[in-house]
Structures are given as structure tokens and as C-alpha cells.
N, C-alpha and C. Protein backbone atom coordinates (compact mmCIF):
# COMPACT_ATOMS: atom_id res chain seq x y z
N MET A 1 0.82 -1.19 -0.01
CA MET A 1 -0.03 0.01 0.02
C MET A 1 0.88 1.24 -0.01
N GLY A 2 0.53 2.18 -0.80
CA GLY A 2 1.23 3.47 -0.77
C GLY A 2 0.65 4.42 0.19
N HIS A 3 1.37 5.48 0.49
CA HIS A 3 0.80 6.47 1.38
C HIS A 3 0.38 7.68 0.52
N ILE A 4 -0.46 8.50 1.16
CA ILE A 4 -0.95 9.68 0.43
C ILE A 4 0.22 10.58 0.15
N HIS A 5 0.41 10.91 -1.12
CA HIS A 5 1.56 11.70 -1.51
C HIS A 5 1.09 12.60 -2.68
N SER A 6 1.54 13.79 -2.66
CA SER A 6 1.25 14.70 -3.78
C SER A 6 2.48 14.94 -4.56
N ASP A 7 2.30 15.43 -5.80
CA ASP A 7 3.48 15.72 -6.64
C ASP A 7 4.29 16.91 -6.11
N SER A 8 3.78 17.64 -5.21
CA SER A 8 4.47 18.84 -4.70
C SER A 8 5.41 18.55 -3.53
N GLN A 9 5.78 17.30 -3.31
CA GLN A 9 6.68 16.90 -2.26
C GLN A 9 6.10 16.93 -0.89
N TYR A 10 4.76 16.92 -0.75
CA TYR A 10 4.10 16.86 0.53
C TYR A 10 3.59 15.47 0.77
N ASP A 11 3.82 14.93 1.96
CA ASP A 11 3.18 13.69 2.43
C ASP A 11 2.33 14.06 3.58
N TYR A 12 1.23 13.31 3.77
CA TYR A 12 0.30 13.48 4.85
C TYR A 12 0.60 12.46 5.97
N THR A 13 0.78 12.94 7.19
CA THR A 13 1.08 12.12 8.30
C THR A 13 0.13 12.36 9.43
N ALA A 14 0.09 11.43 10.41
CA ALA A 14 -0.68 11.58 11.61
C ALA A 14 0.27 11.28 12.80
N SER A 15 0.15 12.11 13.84
CA SER A 15 0.97 11.90 15.00
C SER A 15 0.11 11.87 16.26
N GLY A 16 0.54 11.13 17.23
CA GLY A 16 -0.18 11.01 18.50
C GLY A 16 0.67 11.51 19.68
N VAL A 17 0.20 12.56 20.28
CA VAL A 17 0.86 13.08 21.51
C VAL A 17 0.21 12.29 22.62
N ILE A 18 0.94 11.33 23.13
CA ILE A 18 0.33 10.33 24.11
C ILE A 18 0.68 10.79 25.55
N VAL A 19 -0.33 10.90 26.41
CA VAL A 19 -0.19 11.36 27.76
C VAL A 19 -0.65 10.28 28.72
N HIS A 20 0.14 10.12 29.82
CA HIS A 20 -0.24 9.21 30.92
C HIS A 20 0.35 9.80 32.18
N ASN A 21 -0.49 10.02 33.20
CA ASN A 21 -0.07 10.53 34.48
C ASN A 21 0.80 11.74 34.32
N ASP A 22 0.38 12.75 33.62
CA ASP A 22 1.12 14.02 33.45
C ASP A 22 2.47 13.88 32.80
N LYS A 23 2.64 12.80 32.03
CA LYS A 23 3.88 12.61 31.28
C LYS A 23 3.50 12.34 29.80
N VAL A 24 4.41 12.68 28.90
CA VAL A 24 4.20 12.47 27.50
C VAL A 24 5.19 11.40 26.96
N LEU A 25 4.75 10.54 26.09
CA LEU A 25 5.59 9.47 25.51
C LEU A 25 6.28 9.98 24.26
N LEU A 26 7.62 10.01 24.22
CA LEU A 26 8.36 10.42 23.04
C LEU A 26 9.33 9.29 22.69
N LEU A 27 9.64 9.27 21.39
CA LEU A 27 10.58 8.30 20.89
C LEU A 27 11.77 9.00 20.27
N LEU A 28 12.91 8.41 20.31
CA LEU A 28 14.14 8.91 19.67
C LEU A 28 14.13 8.34 18.32
N HIS A 29 13.83 9.18 17.29
CA HIS A 29 13.68 8.74 15.87
C HIS A 29 15.04 8.18 15.39
N HIS A 30 15.01 7.00 14.80
CA HIS A 30 16.23 6.31 14.37
C HIS A 30 16.97 6.98 13.24
N LYS A 31 16.24 7.74 12.40
CA LYS A 31 16.97 8.41 11.29
C LYS A 31 17.23 9.86 11.59
N LEU A 32 16.28 10.53 12.21
CA LEU A 32 16.41 11.99 12.49
C LEU A 32 17.18 12.33 13.76
N ASN A 33 17.35 11.30 14.64
CA ASN A 33 18.00 11.51 15.95
C ASN A 33 17.35 12.67 16.72
N LEU A 34 16.03 12.72 16.71
CA LEU A 34 15.27 13.73 17.50
C LEU A 34 14.23 13.03 18.35
N TRP A 35 13.98 13.56 19.54
CA TRP A 35 12.84 13.08 20.32
C TRP A 35 11.57 13.61 19.75
N LEU A 36 10.67 12.74 19.31
CA LEU A 36 9.41 13.10 18.66
C LEU A 36 8.26 12.25 19.14
N SER A 37 7.06 12.69 18.87
CA SER A 37 5.89 11.91 19.15
C SER A 37 5.76 10.77 18.10
N PRO A 38 5.15 9.67 18.47
CA PRO A 38 4.92 8.61 17.52
C PRO A 38 4.11 9.18 16.30
N ALA A 39 4.50 8.82 15.11
CA ALA A 39 3.86 9.39 13.91
C ALA A 39 4.25 8.55 12.71
N GLY A 40 3.50 8.76 11.65
CA GLY A 40 3.81 8.10 10.40
C GLY A 40 2.87 8.50 9.29
N HIS A 41 3.17 8.00 8.10
CA HIS A 41 2.39 8.35 6.89
C HIS A 41 0.98 7.73 6.95
N ILE A 42 0.03 8.47 6.39
CA ILE A 42 -1.32 8.00 6.23
C ILE A 42 -1.35 7.26 4.95
N GLU A 43 -1.84 6.00 4.97
CA GLU A 43 -1.86 5.17 3.74
C GLU A 43 -3.08 5.55 2.91
N LEU A 44 -3.04 5.16 1.63
CA LEU A 44 -4.08 5.59 0.66
C LEU A 44 -5.48 5.10 1.08
N ASP A 45 -5.57 3.98 1.74
CA ASP A 45 -6.90 3.43 2.10
C ASP A 45 -7.33 3.84 3.54
N GLU A 46 -6.66 4.76 4.18
CA GLU A 46 -6.94 5.14 5.55
C GLU A 46 -7.46 6.56 5.70
N THR A 47 -8.22 6.75 6.80
CA THR A 47 -8.58 8.10 7.21
C THR A 47 -7.39 8.50 8.17
N PRO A 48 -7.28 9.78 8.49
CA PRO A 48 -6.22 10.19 9.42
C PRO A 48 -6.28 9.46 10.71
N ILE A 49 -7.49 9.21 11.29
CA ILE A 49 -7.59 8.50 12.59
C ILE A 49 -7.11 7.07 12.44
N GLN A 50 -7.49 6.40 11.38
CA GLN A 50 -7.04 5.04 11.16
C GLN A 50 -5.51 4.95 11.08
N GLY A 51 -4.91 5.91 10.29
CA GLY A 51 -3.49 5.99 10.19
C GLY A 51 -2.83 6.24 11.53
N LEU A 52 -3.44 7.12 12.30
CA LEU A 52 -2.89 7.46 13.63
C LEU A 52 -2.81 6.21 14.51
N PHE A 53 -3.91 5.51 14.64
CA PHE A 53 -3.96 4.36 15.53
C PHE A 53 -3.05 3.22 15.01
N ARG A 54 -2.92 3.04 13.69
CA ARG A 54 -2.04 2.03 13.16
C ARG A 54 -0.58 2.38 13.47
N GLU A 55 -0.22 3.65 13.21
CA GLU A 55 1.20 4.08 13.46
C GLU A 55 1.56 3.97 14.93
N VAL A 56 0.65 4.43 15.79
CA VAL A 56 0.88 4.40 17.23
C VAL A 56 1.08 2.93 17.71
N GLN A 57 0.23 2.05 17.25
CA GLN A 57 0.35 0.64 17.64
C GLN A 57 1.64 0.03 17.11
N GLU A 58 2.04 0.35 15.87
CA GLU A 58 3.26 -0.16 15.32
C GLU A 58 4.51 0.31 16.11
N GLU A 59 4.51 1.58 16.48
CA GLU A 59 5.68 2.20 17.07
C GLU A 59 5.74 1.98 18.59
N THR A 60 4.62 1.83 19.28
CA THR A 60 4.59 1.80 20.74
C THR A 60 3.99 0.56 21.31
N GLY A 61 3.27 -0.22 20.52
CA GLY A 61 2.55 -1.39 21.03
C GLY A 61 1.22 -1.03 21.67
N LEU A 62 0.96 0.23 21.88
CA LEU A 62 -0.31 0.68 22.51
C LEU A 62 -1.47 0.50 21.47
N THR A 63 -2.55 -0.15 21.90
CA THR A 63 -3.65 -0.41 21.06
C THR A 63 -4.74 0.62 21.24
N PRO A 64 -5.73 0.70 20.33
CA PRO A 64 -6.85 1.62 20.52
C PRO A 64 -7.55 1.42 21.86
N ASN A 65 -7.55 0.13 22.38
CA ASN A 65 -8.18 -0.13 23.70
C ASN A 65 -7.42 0.50 24.83
N ASP A 66 -6.13 0.82 24.63
CA ASP A 66 -5.31 1.45 25.70
C ASP A 66 -5.47 2.97 25.66
N LEU A 67 -6.05 3.54 24.61
CA LEU A 67 -6.02 4.95 24.36
C LEU A 67 -7.41 5.58 24.26
N THR A 68 -7.48 6.86 24.68
CA THR A 68 -8.67 7.67 24.50
C THR A 68 -8.29 8.91 23.74
N LEU A 69 -9.00 9.19 22.66
CA LEU A 69 -8.82 10.38 21.93
C LEU A 69 -9.33 11.56 22.68
N ILE A 70 -8.51 12.56 22.89
CA ILE A 70 -8.90 13.85 23.58
C ILE A 70 -9.03 14.86 22.50
N SER A 71 -10.25 15.35 22.26
CA SER A 71 -10.50 16.30 21.15
C SER A 71 -10.92 17.65 21.76
N PRO A 72 -10.03 18.59 21.73
CA PRO A 72 -10.36 19.93 22.22
C PRO A 72 -11.34 20.66 21.33
N TYR A 73 -11.44 20.19 20.06
CA TYR A 73 -12.34 20.80 19.08
C TYR A 73 -13.43 19.81 18.69
N VAL A 74 -14.64 20.02 19.09
CA VAL A 74 -15.72 19.10 18.77
C VAL A 74 -16.79 19.76 17.90
N ASP A 75 -16.57 20.99 17.47
CA ASP A 75 -17.55 21.73 16.75
C ASP A 75 -17.93 21.08 15.43
N ASN A 76 -17.08 20.31 14.80
CA ASN A 76 -17.39 19.67 13.51
C ASN A 76 -18.28 18.47 13.64
N LEU A 77 -18.44 17.87 14.86
CA LEU A 77 -19.12 16.61 15.02
C LEU A 77 -20.64 16.73 14.82
N PRO A 78 -21.31 17.83 15.18
CA PRO A 78 -22.75 17.82 15.06
C PRO A 78 -23.33 18.21 13.69
N PHE A 79 -22.44 18.49 12.70
CA PHE A 79 -22.97 18.85 11.38
C PHE A 79 -23.71 17.69 10.78
N VAL A 80 -24.81 18.03 10.12
CA VAL A 80 -25.55 17.03 9.37
C VAL A 80 -24.78 16.69 8.10
N ARG A 81 -24.64 15.42 7.77
CA ARG A 81 -23.91 14.97 6.62
C ARG A 81 -24.84 14.45 5.57
N ASP A 82 -24.41 14.50 4.28
CA ASP A 82 -25.26 13.98 3.23
C ASP A 82 -25.37 12.48 3.37
N THR A 83 -26.51 11.94 2.92
CA THR A 83 -26.72 10.52 3.00
C THR A 83 -25.62 9.78 2.25
N GLY A 84 -25.08 8.78 2.88
CA GLY A 84 -24.11 7.94 2.20
C GLY A 84 -22.65 8.46 2.44
N SER A 85 -22.50 9.63 3.03
CA SER A 85 -21.13 10.09 3.26
C SER A 85 -20.53 9.38 4.45
N ASN A 86 -19.21 9.40 4.49
CA ASN A 86 -18.52 8.77 5.60
C ASN A 86 -18.77 9.55 6.91
N ALA A 87 -18.57 8.91 8.00
CA ALA A 87 -18.71 9.59 9.32
C ALA A 87 -17.69 10.69 9.40
N THR A 88 -18.00 11.70 10.18
CA THR A 88 -17.12 12.84 10.40
C THR A 88 -15.93 12.35 11.26
N GLU A 89 -14.78 12.78 10.89
CA GLU A 89 -13.59 12.49 11.66
C GLU A 89 -13.42 13.54 12.73
N PRO A 90 -12.91 13.17 13.87
CA PRO A 90 -12.58 14.24 14.88
C PRO A 90 -11.46 15.10 14.34
N LEU A 91 -11.51 16.40 14.68
CA LEU A 91 -10.52 17.35 14.20
C LEU A 91 -9.21 17.11 14.94
N PRO A 92 -8.08 17.23 14.25
CA PRO A 92 -6.82 17.21 14.94
C PRO A 92 -6.71 18.47 15.82
N PHE A 93 -5.91 18.41 16.87
CA PHE A 93 -5.70 19.64 17.68
C PHE A 93 -4.72 20.58 17.02
N ASP A 94 -3.91 20.03 16.03
CA ASP A 94 -2.91 20.88 15.37
C ASP A 94 -2.64 20.25 13.97
N ILE A 95 -2.38 21.14 13.03
CA ILE A 95 -1.88 20.70 11.75
C ILE A 95 -0.53 21.37 11.55
N ASP A 96 0.52 20.57 11.47
CA ASP A 96 1.90 21.15 11.41
C ASP A 96 2.47 20.78 10.05
N ILE A 97 2.97 21.83 9.37
CA ILE A 97 3.62 21.60 8.07
C ILE A 97 5.11 21.87 8.31
N HIS A 98 5.93 20.87 8.05
CA HIS A 98 7.34 20.99 8.28
C HIS A 98 8.17 20.26 7.25
N ALA A 99 9.38 20.76 7.07
CA ALA A 99 10.34 20.16 6.15
C ALA A 99 11.01 18.98 6.83
N ILE A 100 11.35 17.98 6.04
CA ILE A 100 12.11 16.83 6.51
C ILE A 100 13.52 16.96 5.96
N GLY A 101 14.44 17.35 6.82
CA GLY A 101 15.82 17.58 6.36
C GLY A 101 15.89 18.71 5.35
N ASP A 102 16.83 18.64 4.44
CA ASP A 102 17.00 19.69 3.43
C ASP A 102 16.75 19.18 2.01
N THR A 103 15.85 18.19 1.92
CA THR A 103 15.58 17.51 0.64
C THR A 103 14.47 18.21 -0.14
N GLY A 104 13.73 19.15 0.49
CA GLY A 104 12.62 19.75 -0.17
C GLY A 104 11.33 18.99 0.17
N HIS A 105 11.47 17.80 0.80
CA HIS A 105 10.33 16.99 1.22
C HIS A 105 9.63 17.57 2.41
N LYS A 106 8.34 17.64 2.43
CA LYS A 106 7.59 18.19 3.58
C LYS A 106 6.46 17.24 4.03
N HIS A 107 6.09 17.40 5.24
CA HIS A 107 4.97 16.69 5.82
C HIS A 107 3.88 17.63 6.22
N ILE A 108 2.66 17.28 5.99
CA ILE A 108 1.46 17.91 6.55
C ILE A 108 0.99 16.95 7.61
N ASP A 109 1.22 17.31 8.84
CA ASP A 109 0.97 16.37 9.97
C ASP A 109 -0.27 16.76 10.71
N PHE A 110 -1.20 15.80 10.86
CA PHE A 110 -2.39 15.95 11.65
C PHE A 110 -2.06 15.43 13.05
N GLY A 111 -2.08 16.38 14.06
CA GLY A 111 -1.68 16.03 15.45
C GLY A 111 -2.91 15.73 16.29
N TYR A 112 -2.90 14.60 16.96
CA TYR A 112 -4.00 14.24 17.86
C TYR A 112 -3.46 13.99 19.26
N ILE A 113 -4.31 14.24 20.25
CA ILE A 113 -3.97 13.97 21.62
C ILE A 113 -4.60 12.62 22.06
N LEU A 114 -3.79 11.78 22.67
CA LEU A 114 -4.22 10.51 23.17
C LEU A 114 -3.91 10.30 24.62
N ALA A 115 -4.86 9.98 25.44
CA ALA A 115 -4.64 9.62 26.80
C ALA A 115 -4.51 8.12 26.91
N SER A 116 -3.36 7.70 27.54
CA SER A 116 -3.14 6.26 27.70
C SER A 116 -3.53 5.82 29.07
N ASP A 117 -4.14 4.65 29.16
CA ASP A 117 -4.47 4.11 30.51
C ASP A 117 -3.39 3.18 31.06
N THR A 118 -2.23 3.18 30.36
CA THR A 118 -1.12 2.34 30.78
C THR A 118 0.21 3.05 30.51
N ALA A 119 1.20 2.78 31.30
CA ALA A 119 2.52 3.34 31.04
C ALA A 119 3.37 2.34 30.25
N GLU A 120 2.86 1.12 30.07
CA GLU A 120 3.59 0.06 29.33
C GLU A 120 3.58 0.36 27.86
N PHE A 121 4.75 0.13 27.21
CA PHE A 121 4.87 0.26 25.78
C PHE A 121 5.88 -0.74 25.28
N THR A 122 5.90 -0.97 24.02
CA THR A 122 6.85 -1.86 23.37
C THR A 122 7.56 -1.15 22.25
N LEU A 123 8.85 -1.10 22.29
CA LEU A 123 9.66 -0.45 21.26
C LEU A 123 9.61 -1.30 20.05
N GLU A 124 9.24 -0.72 18.89
CA GLU A 124 9.14 -1.43 17.62
C GLU A 124 10.50 -1.86 17.15
N GLU A 125 10.64 -3.14 16.76
CA GLU A 125 11.91 -3.63 16.26
C GLU A 125 12.26 -2.88 14.98
N GLY A 126 13.46 -2.36 14.88
CA GLY A 126 13.90 -1.60 13.72
C GLY A 126 13.34 -0.18 13.67
N GLY A 127 12.62 0.22 14.74
CA GLY A 127 12.03 1.57 14.77
C GLY A 127 12.87 2.54 15.55
N ALA A 128 12.27 3.16 16.53
CA ALA A 128 12.96 4.17 17.33
C ALA A 128 14.15 3.56 18.07
N THR A 129 15.11 4.38 18.35
CA THR A 129 16.32 3.98 19.09
C THR A 129 15.97 3.82 20.56
N GLU A 130 15.06 4.65 21.06
CA GLU A 130 14.71 4.69 22.47
C GLU A 130 13.31 5.29 22.58
N MET A 131 12.62 4.99 23.69
CA MET A 131 11.28 5.57 23.96
C MET A 131 11.13 5.67 25.45
N ARG A 132 10.55 6.82 25.91
CA ARG A 132 10.27 6.96 27.36
C ARG A 132 9.29 8.11 27.58
N TRP A 133 8.82 8.10 28.87
CA TRP A 133 7.85 9.15 29.30
C TRP A 133 8.63 10.35 29.85
N PHE A 134 8.14 11.54 29.54
CA PHE A 134 8.77 12.78 30.01
C PHE A 134 7.78 13.66 30.72
N THR A 135 8.20 14.27 31.83
CA THR A 135 7.36 15.27 32.52
C THR A 135 7.59 16.60 31.83
N LEU A 136 6.71 17.59 32.18
CA LEU A 136 6.87 18.97 31.65
C LEU A 136 8.29 19.53 31.92
N ASP A 137 8.73 19.35 33.16
CA ASP A 137 10.06 19.84 33.54
C ASP A 137 11.14 19.26 32.66
N GLU A 138 11.08 17.90 32.43
CA GLU A 138 12.06 17.26 31.63
C GLU A 138 12.05 17.72 30.15
N LEU A 139 10.85 18.14 29.69
CA LEU A 139 10.73 18.58 28.33
C LEU A 139 11.47 19.87 28.07
N LYS A 140 11.51 20.77 29.05
CA LYS A 140 12.09 22.09 28.89
C LYS A 140 13.48 22.07 28.29
N ASP A 141 14.29 21.12 28.78
CA ASP A 141 15.70 21.03 28.33
C ASP A 141 15.98 19.82 27.43
N LEU A 142 14.91 19.21 26.95
CA LEU A 142 15.08 17.98 26.17
C LEU A 142 15.82 18.29 24.85
N SER A 143 16.86 17.51 24.61
CA SER A 143 17.63 17.69 23.37
C SER A 143 18.22 16.34 22.98
N PRO A 144 18.23 16.05 21.73
CA PRO A 144 17.74 16.84 20.57
C PRO A 144 16.22 16.67 20.39
N SER A 145 15.52 17.72 20.18
CA SER A 145 14.11 17.67 19.94
C SER A 145 13.73 18.92 19.13
N THR A 146 12.43 19.15 18.98
CA THR A 146 11.95 20.35 18.27
C THR A 146 11.06 21.13 19.19
N GLU A 147 11.01 22.44 18.95
CA GLU A 147 10.13 23.27 19.76
C GLU A 147 8.65 22.89 19.52
N SER A 148 8.32 22.47 18.33
CA SER A 148 6.96 21.94 18.05
C SER A 148 6.63 20.80 18.90
N THR A 149 7.51 19.83 19.02
CA THR A 149 7.30 18.64 19.86
C THR A 149 7.05 19.05 21.30
N LYS A 150 7.85 19.96 21.82
CA LYS A 150 7.75 20.39 23.22
C LYS A 150 6.45 21.17 23.46
N SER A 151 6.10 22.07 22.56
CA SER A 151 4.88 22.87 22.79
C SER A 151 3.63 22.03 22.64
N ARG A 152 3.62 21.11 21.68
CA ARG A 152 2.51 20.20 21.49
C ARG A 152 2.32 19.35 22.77
N ALA A 153 3.42 18.81 23.29
CA ALA A 153 3.42 17.97 24.51
C ALA A 153 2.84 18.70 25.69
N ALA A 154 3.31 19.93 25.89
CA ALA A 154 2.84 20.73 27.02
C ALA A 154 1.33 21.00 26.89
N TYR A 155 0.87 21.32 25.68
CA TYR A 155 -0.51 21.52 25.43
C TYR A 155 -1.36 20.30 25.71
N ALA A 156 -0.86 19.14 25.20
CA ALA A 156 -1.56 17.87 25.40
C ALA A 156 -1.68 17.51 26.88
N ILE A 157 -0.62 17.69 27.60
CA ILE A 157 -0.68 17.39 29.08
C ILE A 157 -1.82 18.22 29.75
N ARG A 158 -1.83 19.54 29.40
CA ARG A 158 -2.89 20.38 29.94
C ARG A 158 -4.29 19.94 29.56
N LYS A 159 -4.48 19.52 28.30
CA LYS A 159 -5.80 19.18 27.81
C LYS A 159 -6.25 17.84 28.44
N VAL A 160 -5.34 16.90 28.63
CA VAL A 160 -5.70 15.63 29.26
C VAL A 160 -6.13 15.87 30.69
N LYS A 161 -5.38 16.77 31.40
CA LYS A 161 -5.78 17.13 32.79
C LYS A 161 -7.18 17.71 32.83
N GLU A 162 -7.45 18.63 31.89
CA GLU A 162 -8.77 19.27 31.85
C GLU A 162 -9.88 18.28 31.59
N ALA A 163 -9.56 17.26 30.81
CA ALA A 163 -10.61 16.29 30.42
C ALA A 163 -10.88 15.24 31.51
N SER A 164 -9.95 15.14 32.46
CA SER A 164 -10.19 14.12 33.55
C SER A 164 -10.88 14.64 34.73
């Protein structure tokens, strides 16, 4: 299966900012050498949510049964849809467009917040170099990482607290 790709060098991805007990789960990406949220390409036959849960399960071992989607934006859900249309997808909390290295390749990433009911995870074979839970204080000086990863994580921790 191919992933959604346009001729303009943009790929569509979904990422999960996973929170458990006021900590966020990050992985050390094996190619980029950055601490990032679990993420990956959305396949041609998937919705963003399906791609999100598939990628999270592949990279962390966490299943949809372990996770609750926290959606700060629910305004799109009550709209009446045409007969026969697909169900409405929950809105991502963020859409991040970023370059991957200096190749001209870019991702349009749909970011979702997930609350985990467990701290247990499984590192994907051949995937991330390392994975662990970080507190807000640990995120401040986390390196190597991105400001986007840190700000998304801080926001997600706040939103999961508000939802509980």
C-alpha cells in the first residue's frame, strides 16, 4: 500500500501526543535523531484517525483499547452529513507543516492527543532507538528535539488534565 503523496513533495502524516499521568511518551527517531511523538504516513486506504492508531500501535505497542482520543475541538461533529457520506472524523488539535531535512520533502501532519491508561509500551523492532515518558520539567531542556514537539506535548498534558 502506498501512502498519500502529492506531486508537490508533501506527504500526509498523523501523530499522537500520548499522555499518561502528566507525562508524554516520546521516541528517539532512528533516522532523524530527534525526540518526537509517534507518527507516520497515512496510507491511501486510511482516514487520518485510522493511520494514527495504526502508526501508534506499530511504534509503541499501544492499542486503541489502551487509548482515549482527547479532542479539544468538537464543533465539527454535530454537522448534518449527506446521505451515504462517511462519518465525520474528529478534528486534529494541530496541523503542522514542516520540512524533513534539506531535501525539499515536507509533511502535513495531523496531530492528535491520546490519553493512555497504561505506562507500558513496546519499542518497535527496527524503529525508534529509544522511547520513554517525560514530565513537563524534563521537556524544557530535552535535546535533541523540536520546539513543536515540546509545545504540543505541554498543550496535550494540559488538555488531558482538563478532560479528567
